[in-house]
């Protein structure tokens, strides 16, 4: 049973990462208005278009607002200008991703922290998997992103529609290496519930032991 769960987990991690759809070159070439300004980081154009009444939360064909485009393009100035103009910082695109989750997956902690500062809730339920930015960052082993999300008050024990928490994903979808060990340490020290099992009743500790992740197992055993 553990083997089946692990194989499914590996398939799931590929899907979770690639469910985000960044603008394609063709889409970028076709952008105009605020989407183009966001992609290019043109703050002056954003300010001008916003004053002229351009729709701050207009959508492209994949449901991306200019704020999403700025996040994918790593344009901090554009994101700040859009938020200042009144853009919805909690908007979800067609795959149900927000700016925080986009930047978390991209391992861009500075831009993610800016999005949170600008009003993006770090605890939103996002993605087709009904997860959170913390779950996404934990399974990818993005240590600084996880650290900042915890500090921002992201929910530690949210369970996604795969039946997994951030702690579970750090074990099941991680590689047992230094980054995932540090993620587990951060989650445990923050008070993540180690007893939450998957749909088959298998705990993170049991998964860690089954995979030979001895250091992670030790972290999960401490204080039990």
N, C-alpha and C. Protein backbone atom coordinates (compact mmCIF):
# COMPACT_ATOMS: atom_id res chain seq x y z
N UNK A 1 0.83 -1.21 0.00
CA UNK A 1 0.00 0.00 0.00
C UNK A 1 0.85 1.25 0.00
N UNK A 2 1.95 1.22 0.78
CA UNK A 2 2.83 2.38 0.79
C UNK A 2 3.41 2.64 -0.58
N UNK A 3 3.73 1.53 -1.29
CA UNK A 3 4.30 1.70 -2.63
C UNK A 3 3.32 2.39 -3.57
N UNK A 4 2.05 1.98 -3.48
CA UNK A 4 1.02 2.58 -4.34
C UNK A 4 0.88 4.06 -4.02
N UNK A 5 0.85 4.38 -2.74
CA UNK A 5 0.71 5.78 -2.34
C UNK A 5 1.89 6.58 -2.86
N UNK A 6 3.10 6.01 -2.75
CA UNK A 6 4.30 6.74 -3.17
C UNK A 6 4.27 6.99 -4.67
N UNK A 7 3.90 5.97 -5.44
CA UNK A 7 3.84 6.15 -6.89
C UNK A 7 2.82 7.22 -7.24
N UNK A 8 1.65 7.15 -6.62
CA UNK A 8 0.63 8.17 -6.88
C UNK A 8 1.14 9.54 -6.48
N UNK A 9 1.88 9.60 -5.36
CA UNK A 9 2.43 10.86 -4.92
C UNK A 9 3.38 11.45 -5.93
N UNK A 10 4.21 10.61 -6.53
CA UNK A 10 5.14 11.12 -7.53
C UNK A 10 4.40 11.68 -8.73
N UNK A 11 3.33 11.00 -9.12
CA UNK A 11 2.52 11.52 -10.22
C UNK A 11 1.87 12.84 -9.81
N UNK A 12 1.42 12.88 -8.58
CA UNK A 12 0.76 14.08 -8.11
C UNK A 12 1.71 15.27 -8.07
N UNK A 13 2.96 15.05 -7.63
CA UNK A 13 3.87 16.18 -7.54
C UNK A 13 4.13 16.78 -8.91
N UNK A 14 4.22 15.96 -9.96
CA UNK A 14 4.40 16.49 -11.31
C UNK A 14 3.20 17.32 -11.70
N UNK A 15 2.01 16.83 -11.39
CA UNK A 15 0.81 17.55 -11.76
C UNK A 15 0.69 18.87 -11.01
N UNK A 16 1.03 18.85 -9.70
CA UNK A 16 0.89 20.05 -8.90
C UNK A 16 1.79 21.15 -9.44
N UNK A 17 3.04 20.80 -9.74
CA UNK A 17 3.97 21.80 -10.22
C UNK A 17 3.52 22.35 -11.57
N UNK A 18 3.13 21.45 -12.47
CA UNK A 18 2.86 21.88 -13.84
C UNK A 18 1.42 22.34 -14.04
N UNK A 19 0.57 22.24 -13.01
CA UNK A 19 -0.79 22.77 -13.13
C UNK A 19 -0.75 24.28 -13.26
N UNK A 20 0.30 24.92 -12.72
CA UNK A 20 0.46 26.35 -12.94
C UNK A 20 0.85 26.57 -14.40
N UNK A 21 0.20 27.53 -15.01
CA UNK A 21 0.45 27.81 -16.42
C UNK A 21 0.91 29.23 -16.58
N UNK A 22 2.21 29.41 -16.76
CA UNK A 22 2.75 30.75 -17.01
C UNK A 22 2.35 31.20 -18.41
N UNK A 23 2.26 32.49 -18.64
CA UNK A 23 1.93 32.98 -19.98
C UNK A 23 2.93 32.46 -21.01
N UNK A 24 2.42 31.99 -22.13
CA UNK A 24 3.27 31.49 -23.20
C UNK A 24 3.86 32.67 -23.97
N UNK A 25 4.91 32.44 -24.75
CA UNK A 25 5.45 33.53 -25.58
C UNK A 25 4.40 34.16 -26.48
N UNK A 26 3.51 33.33 -27.03
CA UNK A 26 2.46 33.88 -27.90
C UNK A 26 1.50 34.76 -27.12
N UNK A 27 1.15 34.32 -25.90
CA UNK A 27 0.26 35.14 -25.08
C UNK A 27 0.93 36.46 -24.71
N UNK A 28 2.19 36.38 -24.34
CA UNK A 28 2.92 37.60 -23.96
C UNK A 28 2.97 38.57 -25.13
N UNK A 29 3.23 38.05 -26.32
CA UNK A 29 3.30 38.91 -27.50
C UNK A 29 1.97 39.58 -27.79
N UNK A 30 0.88 38.93 -27.41
CA UNK A 30 -0.46 39.47 -27.70
C UNK A 30 -0.99 40.38 -26.59
N UNK A 31 -0.31 40.43 -25.46
CA UNK A 31 -0.79 41.25 -24.36
C UNK A 31 -0.83 42.73 -24.75
N UNK A 32 -1.83 43.40 -24.19
CA UNK A 32 -1.86 44.86 -24.27
C UNK A 32 -2.32 45.39 -22.92
N UNK A 33 -2.41 46.67 -22.81
CA UNK A 33 -2.92 47.28 -21.59
C UNK A 33 -2.15 46.88 -20.36
N UNK A 34 -2.89 46.62 -19.29
CA UNK A 34 -2.27 46.32 -18.00
C UNK A 34 -1.51 44.99 -18.02
N UNK A 35 -1.98 44.03 -18.78
CA UNK A 35 -1.26 42.77 -18.85
C UNK A 35 0.14 42.98 -19.44
N UNK A 36 0.22 43.77 -20.48
CA UNK A 36 1.54 44.05 -21.08
C UNK A 36 2.41 44.83 -20.10
N UNK A 37 1.82 45.84 -19.46
CA UNK A 37 2.59 46.64 -18.51
C UNK A 37 3.09 45.79 -17.35
N UNK A 38 2.25 44.87 -16.88
CA UNK A 38 2.65 43.99 -15.78
C UNK A 38 3.78 43.07 -16.21
N UNK A 39 3.65 42.48 -17.38
CA UNK A 39 4.68 41.58 -17.90
C UNK A 39 6.03 42.30 -18.02
N UNK A 40 5.99 43.54 -18.47
CA UNK A 40 7.22 44.30 -18.71
C UNK A 40 7.70 45.08 -17.50
N UNK A 41 6.90 45.07 -16.44
CA UNK A 41 7.29 45.82 -15.25
C UNK A 41 7.24 47.32 -15.45
N UNK A 42 6.35 47.79 -16.30
CA UNK A 42 6.26 49.20 -16.62
C UNK A 42 5.30 49.90 -15.64
N UNK A 43 5.87 50.42 -14.59
CA UNK A 43 5.07 51.03 -13.53
C UNK A 43 4.37 52.28 -14.02
N UNK A 44 5.03 53.08 -14.82
CA UNK A 44 4.40 54.30 -15.33
C UNK A 44 3.15 53.98 -16.14
N UNK A 45 3.23 52.95 -16.97
CA UNK A 45 2.05 52.56 -17.75
C UNK A 45 0.94 52.03 -16.86
N UNK A 46 1.32 51.29 -15.82
CA UNK A 46 0.30 50.79 -14.89
C UNK A 46 -0.41 51.96 -14.24
N UNK A 47 0.34 52.93 -13.76
CA UNK A 47 -0.27 54.10 -13.11
C UNK A 47 -1.18 54.85 -14.09
N UNK A 48 -0.70 55.04 -15.29
CA UNK A 48 -1.48 55.78 -16.29
C UNK A 48 -2.76 55.05 -16.65
N UNK A 49 -2.65 53.75 -16.91
CA UNK A 49 -3.82 52.97 -17.30
C UNK A 49 -4.82 52.86 -16.16
N UNK A 50 -4.32 52.73 -14.94
CA UNK A 50 -5.22 52.65 -13.78
C UNK A 50 -6.00 53.96 -13.62
N UNK A 51 -5.33 55.07 -13.78
CA UNK A 51 -6.01 56.37 -13.68
C UNK A 51 -7.05 56.54 -14.78
N UNK A 52 -6.79 55.92 -15.93
CA UNK A 52 -7.72 56.03 -17.06
C UNK A 52 -8.89 55.05 -16.94
N UNK A 53 -8.89 54.23 -15.88
CA UNK A 53 -10.00 53.32 -15.65
C UNK A 53 -9.85 51.95 -16.26
N UNK A 54 -8.65 51.56 -16.62
CA UNK A 54 -8.44 50.20 -17.14
C UNK A 54 -8.82 49.18 -16.08
N UNK A 55 -9.38 48.04 -16.49
CA UNK A 55 -9.81 47.03 -15.51
C UNK A 55 -8.60 46.39 -14.81
N UNK A 56 -8.46 46.67 -13.54
CA UNK A 56 -7.30 46.20 -12.79
C UNK A 56 -7.26 44.69 -12.67
N UNK A 57 -8.42 44.06 -12.70
CA UNK A 57 -8.50 42.62 -12.53
C UNK A 57 -9.02 41.93 -13.79
N UNK A 58 -8.76 42.54 -14.94
CA UNK A 58 -9.13 41.91 -16.20
C UNK A 58 -8.40 40.58 -16.38
N UNK A 59 -9.02 39.68 -17.12
CA UNK A 59 -8.48 38.33 -17.24
C UNK A 59 -8.00 38.05 -18.67
N UNK A 60 -6.89 37.31 -18.77
CA UNK A 60 -6.50 36.77 -20.07
C UNK A 60 -7.21 35.44 -20.27
N UNK A 61 -6.87 34.71 -21.32
CA UNK A 61 -7.63 33.50 -21.62
C UNK A 61 -7.42 32.37 -20.61
N UNK A 62 -6.41 32.50 -19.76
CA UNK A 62 -6.20 31.51 -18.72
C UNK A 62 -6.59 32.06 -17.35
N UNK A 63 -7.38 33.12 -17.37
CA UNK A 63 -7.89 33.68 -16.13
C UNK A 63 -6.87 34.44 -15.32
N UNK A 64 -5.75 34.77 -15.93
CA UNK A 64 -4.72 35.51 -15.20
C UNK A 64 -5.04 37.00 -15.20
N UNK A 65 -4.98 37.60 -14.03
CA UNK A 65 -5.08 39.05 -13.91
C UNK A 65 -3.68 39.64 -14.15
N UNK A 66 -3.58 40.95 -14.29
CA UNK A 66 -2.25 41.56 -14.37
C UNK A 66 -1.36 41.22 -13.18
N UNK A 67 -1.96 41.06 -12.00
CA UNK A 67 -1.16 40.70 -10.83
C UNK A 67 -0.54 39.31 -11.00
N UNK A 68 -1.30 38.36 -11.53
CA UNK A 68 -0.74 37.03 -11.80
C UNK A 68 0.41 37.13 -12.80
N UNK A 69 0.20 37.93 -13.84
CA UNK A 69 1.23 38.09 -14.86
C UNK A 69 2.50 38.68 -14.24
N UNK A 70 2.33 39.68 -13.39
CA UNK A 70 3.49 40.28 -12.71
C UNK A 70 4.21 39.25 -11.85
N UNK A 71 3.45 38.36 -11.20
CA UNK A 71 4.06 37.32 -10.37
C UNK A 71 4.86 36.34 -11.21
N UNK A 72 4.26 35.87 -12.31
CA UNK A 72 4.99 34.94 -13.18
C UNK A 72 6.25 35.59 -13.76
N UNK A 73 6.18 36.89 -14.03
CA UNK A 73 7.32 37.60 -14.62
C UNK A 73 8.29 38.13 -13.57
N UNK A 74 7.97 37.89 -12.29
CA UNK A 74 8.82 38.36 -11.18
C UNK A 74 9.04 39.87 -11.23
N UNK A 75 7.96 40.59 -11.45
CA UNK A 75 8.00 42.05 -11.55
C UNK A 75 7.45 42.67 -10.27
N UNK A 76 8.35 42.88 -9.32
CA UNK A 76 7.93 43.39 -8.01
C UNK A 76 7.33 44.79 -8.12
N UNK A 77 7.95 45.67 -8.90
CA UNK A 77 7.43 47.03 -9.03
C UNK A 77 6.03 47.05 -9.61
N UNK A 78 5.80 46.20 -10.60
CA UNK A 78 4.48 46.13 -11.21
C UNK A 78 3.45 45.62 -10.20
N UNK A 79 3.83 44.63 -9.41
CA UNK A 79 2.91 44.09 -8.42
C UNK A 79 2.55 45.16 -7.39
N UNK A 80 3.54 45.90 -6.96
CA UNK A 80 3.28 46.96 -5.99
C UNK A 80 2.37 48.04 -6.59
N UNK A 81 2.63 48.41 -7.83
CA UNK A 81 1.82 49.45 -8.49
C UNK A 81 0.38 48.99 -8.67
N UNK A 82 0.19 47.72 -9.02
CA UNK A 82 -1.16 47.19 -9.19
C UNK A 82 -1.92 47.18 -7.87
N UNK A 83 -1.24 46.76 -6.81
CA UNK A 83 -1.89 46.74 -5.49
C UNK A 83 -2.24 48.16 -5.05
N UNK A 84 -1.34 49.09 -5.27
CA UNK A 84 -1.60 50.49 -4.90
C UNK A 84 -2.80 51.04 -5.64
N UNK A 85 -2.98 50.60 -6.89
CA UNK A 85 -4.11 51.07 -7.69
C UNK A 85 -5.42 50.41 -7.30
N UNK A 86 -5.36 49.34 -6.52
CA UNK A 86 -6.58 48.68 -6.06
C UNK A 86 -6.85 47.31 -6.64
N UNK A 87 -5.84 46.69 -7.26
CA UNK A 87 -6.03 45.34 -7.81
C UNK A 87 -6.31 44.34 -6.69
N UNK A 88 -7.08 43.32 -7.02
CA UNK A 88 -7.43 42.27 -6.06
C UNK A 88 -6.23 41.35 -5.89
N UNK A 89 -5.58 41.42 -4.74
CA UNK A 89 -4.40 40.61 -4.50
C UNK A 89 -4.73 39.17 -4.11
N UNK A 90 -6.00 38.86 -3.97
CA UNK A 90 -6.40 37.49 -3.64
C UNK A 90 -7.09 36.79 -4.81
N UNK A 91 -6.99 37.37 -5.99
CA UNK A 91 -7.62 36.76 -7.16
C UNK A 91 -6.96 35.41 -7.48
N UNK A 92 -7.77 34.48 -7.98
CA UNK A 92 -7.29 33.17 -8.41
C UNK A 92 -7.41 33.07 -9.92
N UNK A 93 -6.40 32.47 -10.54
CA UNK A 93 -6.47 32.29 -11.99
C UNK A 93 -7.29 31.05 -12.33
N UNK A 94 -7.28 30.63 -13.58
CA UNK A 94 -8.14 29.52 -14.01
C UNK A 94 -7.76 28.20 -13.36
N UNK A 95 -6.51 28.07 -12.90
CA UNK A 95 -6.09 26.86 -12.19
C UNK A 95 -6.19 27.04 -10.67
N UNK A 96 -6.80 28.15 -10.26
CA UNK A 96 -7.02 28.45 -8.84
C UNK A 96 -5.74 28.78 -8.10
N UNK A 97 -4.80 29.43 -8.79
CA UNK A 97 -3.58 29.88 -8.13
C UNK A 97 -3.64 31.38 -7.88
N UNK A 98 -3.08 31.78 -6.73
CA UNK A 98 -2.94 33.19 -6.41
C UNK A 98 -1.47 33.58 -6.54
N UNK A 99 -1.20 34.86 -6.32
CA UNK A 99 0.17 35.35 -6.46
C UNK A 99 1.10 34.68 -5.45
N UNK A 100 0.64 34.51 -4.21
CA UNK A 100 1.49 33.89 -3.19
C UNK A 100 1.89 32.47 -3.60
N UNK A 101 0.96 31.68 -4.08
CA UNK A 101 1.29 30.31 -4.45
C UNK A 101 2.17 30.28 -5.70
N UNK A 102 1.92 31.17 -6.64
CA UNK A 102 2.77 31.25 -7.83
C UNK A 102 4.21 31.54 -7.42
N UNK A 103 4.41 32.51 -6.56
CA UNK A 103 5.76 32.87 -6.14
C UNK A 103 6.37 31.83 -5.21
N UNK A 104 5.54 31.13 -4.44
CA UNK A 104 6.05 30.05 -3.58
C UNK A 104 6.60 28.92 -4.43
N UNK A 105 5.87 28.53 -5.45
CA UNK A 105 6.32 27.46 -6.34
C UNK A 105 7.58 27.89 -7.10
N UNK A 106 7.65 29.17 -7.45
CA UNK A 106 8.83 29.69 -8.16
C UNK A 106 10.03 29.87 -7.24
N UNK A 107 9.86 29.61 -5.95
CA UNK A 107 10.91 29.78 -4.95
C UNK A 107 11.45 31.21 -4.96
N UNK A 108 10.52 32.14 -4.90
CA UNK A 108 10.84 33.56 -4.89
C UNK A 108 10.32 34.16 -3.57
N UNK A 109 11.05 33.93 -2.47
CA UNK A 109 10.52 34.36 -1.17
C UNK A 109 10.33 35.86 -1.05
N UNK A 110 11.21 36.63 -1.69
CA UNK A 110 11.07 38.09 -1.57
C UNK A 110 9.78 38.59 -2.22
N UNK A 111 9.50 38.09 -3.42
CA UNK A 111 8.27 38.52 -4.09
C UNK A 111 7.05 37.99 -3.37
N UNK A 112 7.16 36.78 -2.82
CA UNK A 112 6.04 36.23 -2.05
C UNK A 112 5.75 37.08 -0.83
N UNK A 113 6.81 37.47 -0.11
CA UNK A 113 6.62 38.32 1.07
C UNK A 113 6.01 39.66 0.69
N UNK A 114 6.41 40.19 -0.45
CA UNK A 114 5.82 41.44 -0.92
C UNK A 114 4.33 41.25 -1.17
N UNK A 115 3.95 40.15 -1.81
CA UNK A 115 2.53 39.90 -2.09
C UNK A 115 1.73 39.83 -0.79
N UNK A 116 2.30 39.20 0.21
CA UNK A 116 1.62 39.12 1.51
C UNK A 116 1.51 40.51 2.11
N UNK A 117 2.58 41.29 2.04
CA UNK A 117 2.57 42.67 2.53
C UNK A 117 1.50 43.50 1.83
N UNK A 118 1.28 43.20 0.56
CA UNK A 118 0.32 43.97 -0.23
C UNK A 118 -1.12 43.46 -0.07
N UNK A 119 -1.32 42.44 0.75
CA UNK A 119 -2.67 42.01 1.05
C UNK A 119 -3.07 40.62 0.61
N UNK A 120 -2.15 39.88 -0.01
CA UNK A 120 -2.47 38.51 -0.43
C UNK A 120 -2.46 37.59 0.80
N UNK A 121 -3.57 36.98 1.09
CA UNK A 121 -3.72 36.09 2.25
C UNK A 121 -2.86 34.84 2.05
N UNK A 122 -1.88 34.57 2.94
CA UNK A 122 -1.03 33.40 2.78
C UNK A 122 -1.73 32.08 3.06
N UNK A 123 -2.97 32.16 3.55
CA UNK A 123 -3.69 30.95 3.89
C UNK A 123 -4.79 30.57 2.92
N UNK A 124 -4.83 31.22 1.76
CA UNK A 124 -5.88 30.90 0.79
C UNK A 124 -5.82 29.43 0.37
N UNK A 125 -6.98 28.87 0.11
CA UNK A 125 -7.04 27.54 -0.50
C UNK A 125 -6.87 27.73 -2.00
N UNK A 126 -5.84 27.09 -2.55
CA UNK A 126 -5.47 27.32 -3.94
C UNK A 126 -5.19 26.00 -4.64
N UNK A 127 -5.10 26.07 -5.96
CA UNK A 127 -4.72 24.96 -6.84
C UNK A 127 -5.88 24.00 -7.06
N UNK A 128 -5.79 23.19 -8.11
CA UNK A 128 -6.82 22.16 -8.33
C UNK A 128 -6.87 21.12 -7.21
N UNK A 129 -5.83 21.11 -6.37
CA UNK A 129 -5.74 20.12 -5.29
C UNK A 129 -6.28 20.65 -3.98
N UNK A 130 -6.86 21.87 -4.02
CA UNK A 130 -7.45 22.48 -2.82
C UNK A 130 -6.42 22.52 -1.69
N UNK A 131 -5.22 22.93 -2.06
CA UNK A 131 -4.14 23.00 -1.10
C UNK A 131 -3.86 24.43 -0.67
N UNK A 132 -2.62 24.71 -0.32
CA UNK A 132 -2.18 26.03 0.08
C UNK A 132 -0.77 26.26 -0.46
N UNK A 133 -0.33 27.50 -0.38
CA UNK A 133 1.05 27.81 -0.77
C UNK A 133 2.04 27.05 0.10
N UNK A 134 1.72 26.87 1.38
CA UNK A 134 2.62 26.15 2.28
C UNK A 134 2.76 24.69 1.86
N UNK A 135 1.68 24.06 1.48
CA UNK A 135 1.75 22.67 1.01
C UNK A 135 2.62 22.59 -0.23
N UNK A 136 2.41 23.51 -1.17
CA UNK A 136 3.20 23.50 -2.40
C UNK A 136 4.68 23.68 -2.11
N UNK A 137 5.01 24.64 -1.24
CA UNK A 137 6.40 24.90 -0.92
C UNK A 137 7.03 23.75 -0.15
N UNK A 138 6.25 23.11 0.72
CA UNK A 138 6.79 21.99 1.50
C UNK A 138 7.15 20.82 0.60
N UNK A 139 6.29 20.49 -0.34
CA UNK A 139 6.61 19.31 -1.16
C UNK A 139 7.76 19.60 -2.11
N UNK A 140 8.00 20.88 -2.44
CA UNK A 140 9.12 21.24 -3.31
C UNK A 140 10.42 21.47 -2.53
N UNK A 141 10.33 21.52 -1.20
CA UNK A 141 11.52 21.73 -0.40
C UNK A 141 12.06 23.14 -0.44
N UNK A 142 11.18 24.12 -0.57
CA UNK A 142 11.58 25.52 -0.63
C UNK A 142 11.65 26.08 0.79
N UNK A 143 12.82 25.97 1.38
CA UNK A 143 12.98 26.20 2.81
C UNK A 143 12.63 27.63 3.22
N UNK A 144 13.19 28.62 2.56
CA UNK A 144 12.94 30.01 2.97
C UNK A 144 11.49 30.40 2.74
N UNK A 145 10.90 29.89 1.68
CA UNK A 145 9.48 30.15 1.43
C UNK A 145 8.64 29.57 2.57
N UNK A 146 8.95 28.34 2.96
CA UNK A 146 8.22 27.71 4.07
C UNK A 146 8.41 28.52 5.35
N UNK A 147 9.64 28.94 5.61
CA UNK A 147 9.91 29.73 6.81
C UNK A 147 9.06 31.00 6.84
N UNK A 148 8.99 31.68 5.73
CA UNK A 148 8.24 32.94 5.67
C UNK A 148 6.73 32.71 5.74
N UNK A 149 6.25 31.66 5.12
CA UNK A 149 4.83 31.37 5.20
C UNK A 149 4.41 31.04 6.62
N UNK A 150 5.22 30.27 7.32
CA UNK A 150 4.92 29.97 8.71
C UNK A 150 4.88 31.26 9.52
N UNK A 151 5.87 32.13 9.32
CA UNK A 151 5.92 33.39 10.05
C UNK A 151 4.71 34.27 9.73
N UNK A 152 4.19 34.15 8.52
CA UNK A 152 3.04 34.96 8.10
C UNK A 152 1.71 34.38 8.57
N UNK A 153 1.76 33.23 9.23
CA UNK A 153 0.54 32.65 9.78
C UNK A 153 -0.20 31.71 8.86
N UNK A 154 0.48 31.17 7.85
CA UNK A 154 -0.17 30.19 6.97
C UNK A 154 -0.62 28.98 7.78
N UNK A 155 -1.78 28.41 7.45
CA UNK A 155 -2.28 27.27 8.23
C UNK A 155 -1.36 26.06 8.10
N UNK A 156 -0.96 25.51 9.24
CA UNK A 156 0.00 24.42 9.26
C UNK A 156 -0.61 23.08 8.88
N UNK A 157 -1.89 22.88 9.19
CA UNK A 157 -2.48 21.55 9.10
C UNK A 157 -3.60 21.44 8.08
N UNK A 158 -3.63 22.34 7.12
CA UNK A 158 -4.62 22.22 6.05
C UNK A 158 -4.42 20.88 5.32
N UNK A 159 -5.52 20.22 5.04
CA UNK A 159 -5.48 18.93 4.33
C UNK A 159 -6.05 19.15 2.93
N UNK A 160 -5.27 18.84 1.91
CA UNK A 160 -5.73 19.04 0.53
C UNK A 160 -6.59 17.88 0.06
N UNK A 161 -7.03 17.92 -1.19
CA UNK A 161 -7.95 16.87 -1.65
C UNK A 161 -7.24 15.57 -2.01
N UNK A 162 -5.93 15.52 -1.82
CA UNK A 162 -5.20 14.25 -1.88
C UNK A 162 -5.16 13.59 -0.50
N UNK A 163 -5.60 14.36 0.52
CA UNK A 163 -5.58 13.86 1.89
C UNK A 163 -4.28 14.15 2.61
N UNK A 164 -3.51 15.13 2.13
CA UNK A 164 -2.18 15.39 2.68
C UNK A 164 -2.05 16.80 3.21
N UNK A 165 -1.30 16.93 4.31
CA UNK A 165 -0.89 18.21 4.87
C UNK A 165 0.46 18.60 4.29
N UNK A 166 0.93 19.79 4.66
CA UNK A 166 2.27 20.21 4.25
C UNK A 166 3.32 19.25 4.79
N UNK A 167 3.16 18.83 6.03
CA UNK A 167 4.12 17.89 6.62
C UNK A 167 4.13 16.57 5.87
N UNK A 168 2.95 16.07 5.55
CA UNK A 168 2.86 14.81 4.81
C UNK A 168 3.54 14.94 3.44
N UNK A 169 3.29 16.04 2.75
CA UNK A 169 3.88 16.20 1.42
C UNK A 169 5.39 16.35 1.48
N UNK A 170 5.90 16.99 2.53
CA UNK A 170 7.35 17.10 2.66
C UNK A 170 8.00 15.73 2.78
N UNK A 171 7.27 14.77 3.33
CA UNK A 171 7.79 13.41 3.46
C UNK A 171 7.50 12.58 2.21
N UNK A 172 6.24 12.51 1.84
CA UNK A 172 5.82 11.62 0.75
C UNK A 172 6.34 12.09 -0.61
N UNK A 173 6.35 13.41 -0.82
CA UNK A 173 6.79 13.94 -2.10
C UNK A 173 8.20 14.49 -2.07
N UNK A 174 8.82 14.47 -0.91
CA UNK A 174 10.19 14.94 -0.80
C UNK A 174 11.19 13.84 -1.13
N UNK A 175 12.48 14.23 -1.12
CA UNK A 175 13.53 13.26 -1.43
C UNK A 175 14.34 12.85 -0.21
N UNK A 176 13.91 13.33 0.96
CA UNK A 176 14.63 12.99 2.18
C UNK A 176 15.93 13.75 2.36
N UNK A 177 16.24 14.67 1.43
CA UNK A 177 17.48 15.40 1.47
C UNK A 177 17.46 16.59 2.41
N UNK A 178 18.54 17.40 2.39
CA UNK A 178 18.68 18.50 3.35
C UNK A 178 17.52 19.49 3.32
N UNK A 179 17.04 19.85 2.14
CA UNK A 179 15.96 20.84 2.07
C UNK A 179 14.68 20.31 2.69
N UNK A 180 14.32 19.09 2.36
CA UNK A 180 13.08 18.54 2.91
C UNK A 180 13.23 18.25 4.40
N UNK A 181 14.43 17.89 4.83
CA UNK A 181 14.64 17.73 6.27
C UNK A 181 14.43 19.05 6.99
N UNK A 182 14.95 20.14 6.41
CA UNK A 182 14.78 21.44 7.04
C UNK A 182 13.32 21.88 7.03
N UNK A 183 12.60 21.58 5.97
CA UNK A 183 11.18 21.89 5.91
C UNK A 183 10.43 21.15 7.01
N UNK A 184 10.72 19.86 7.17
CA UNK A 184 10.08 19.10 8.24
C UNK A 184 10.41 19.70 9.59
N UNK A 185 11.67 20.06 9.79
CA UNK A 185 12.07 20.67 11.06
C UNK A 185 11.27 21.95 11.33
N UNK A 186 11.16 22.80 10.33
CA UNK A 186 10.42 24.05 10.49
C UNK A 186 8.96 23.80 10.83
N UNK A 187 8.35 22.86 10.14
CA UNK A 187 6.94 22.56 10.39
C UNK A 187 6.73 21.97 11.77
N UNK A 188 7.60 21.05 12.17
CA UNK A 188 7.48 20.44 13.49
C UNK A 188 7.68 21.49 14.58
N UNK A 189 8.70 22.32 14.43
CA UNK A 189 8.98 23.35 15.44
C UNK A 189 7.85 24.37 15.52
N UNK A 190 7.15 24.58 14.41
CA UNK A 190 6.03 25.52 14.40
C UNK A 190 4.77 24.92 15.01
N UNK A 191 4.77 23.61 15.23
CA UNK A 191 3.62 22.96 15.84
C UNK A 191 2.71 22.21 14.91
N UNK A 192 3.18 21.87 13.70
CA UNK A 192 2.36 21.08 12.78
C UNK A 192 1.98 19.75 13.43
N UNK A 193 0.77 19.32 13.18
CA UNK A 193 0.25 18.10 13.79
C UNK A 193 0.83 16.87 13.09
N UNK A 194 1.72 16.17 13.79
CA UNK A 194 2.39 14.99 13.22
C UNK A 194 1.50 13.77 13.18
N UNK A 195 0.35 13.85 13.85
CA UNK A 195 -0.52 12.67 13.93
C UNK A 195 -1.50 12.57 12.77
N UNK A 196 -1.60 13.63 11.95
CA UNK A 196 -2.57 13.60 10.84
C UNK A 196 -2.09 12.62 9.78
N UNK A 197 -2.85 11.55 9.61
CA UNK A 197 -2.47 10.49 8.68
C UNK A 197 -3.11 10.72 7.31
N UNK A 198 -2.64 9.94 6.34
CA UNK A 198 -3.25 10.02 5.01
C UNK A 198 -4.55 9.22 4.99
N UNK A 199 -5.13 9.08 3.82
CA UNK A 199 -6.43 8.42 3.73
C UNK A 199 -6.36 6.93 4.08
N UNK A 200 -5.16 6.39 4.07
CA UNK A 200 -4.99 4.98 4.43
C UNK A 200 -4.55 4.82 5.87
N UNK A 201 -4.55 5.91 6.64
CA UNK A 201 -4.20 5.85 8.04
C UNK A 201 -2.71 5.82 8.30
N UNK A 202 -1.89 6.14 7.30
CA UNK A 202 -0.44 6.10 7.45
C UNK A 202 0.05 7.50 7.83
N UNK A 203 0.80 7.60 8.90
CA UNK A 203 1.29 8.88 9.40
C UNK A 203 2.55 9.31 8.66
N UNK A 204 2.91 10.59 8.78
CA UNK A 204 4.18 11.03 8.20
C UNK A 204 5.37 10.24 8.73
N UNK A 205 5.35 9.91 10.01
CA UNK A 205 6.45 9.13 10.59
C UNK A 205 6.55 7.76 9.93
N UNK A 206 5.42 7.09 9.74
CA UNK A 206 5.44 5.77 9.11
C UNK A 206 5.96 5.86 7.68
N UNK A 207 5.57 6.90 6.96
CA UNK A 207 6.07 7.09 5.60
C UNK A 207 7.58 7.33 5.60
N UNK A 208 8.05 8.14 6.54
CA UNK A 208 9.48 8.42 6.62
C UNK A 208 10.27 7.15 6.90
N UNK A 209 9.79 6.35 7.82
CA UNK A 209 10.48 5.10 8.14
C UNK A 209 10.49 4.17 6.94
N UNK A 210 9.35 4.07 6.25
CA UNK A 210 9.25 3.17 5.10
C UNK A 210 10.21 3.57 3.98
N UNK A 211 10.50 4.86 3.88
CA UNK A 211 11.39 5.34 2.82
C UNK A 211 12.85 5.38 3.23
N UNK A 212 13.11 5.05 4.48
CA UNK A 212 14.48 5.09 4.96
C UNK A 212 14.98 6.49 5.26
N UNK A 213 14.06 7.42 5.49
CA UNK A 213 14.43 8.80 5.80
C UNK A 213 14.66 8.90 7.31
N UNK A 214 15.79 8.40 7.76
CA UNK A 214 16.02 8.25 9.20
C UNK A 214 16.08 9.60 9.92
N UNK A 215 16.68 10.60 9.30
CA UNK A 215 16.78 11.90 9.96
C UNK A 215 15.40 12.56 10.07
N UNK A 216 14.60 12.43 9.03
CA UNK A 216 13.25 12.97 9.11
C UNK A 216 12.43 12.20 10.14
N UNK A 217 12.59 10.90 10.17
CA UNK A 217 11.88 10.11 11.19
C UNK A 217 12.26 10.55 12.59
N UNK A 218 13.54 10.83 12.78
CA UNK A 218 13.99 11.30 14.10
C UNK A 218 13.34 12.63 14.46
N UNK A 219 13.24 13.53 13.49
CA UNK A 219 12.58 14.81 13.74
C UNK A 219 11.11 14.61 14.14
N UNK A 220 10.47 13.68 13.47
CA UNK A 220 9.05 13.44 13.73
C UNK A 220 8.82 12.70 15.04
N UNK A 221 9.82 11.99 15.52
CA UNK A 221 9.70 11.26 16.78
C UNK A 221 9.92 12.14 17.99
N UNK A 222 10.67 13.21 17.83
CA UNK A 222 11.00 14.06 18.98
C UNK A 222 9.75 14.67 19.59
N UNK A 223 9.68 14.59 20.91
CA UNK A 223 8.57 15.21 21.62
C UNK A 223 7.28 14.44 21.55
N UNK A 224 7.30 13.22 21.01
CA UNK A 224 6.06 12.46 20.92
C UNK A 224 5.72 11.85 22.26
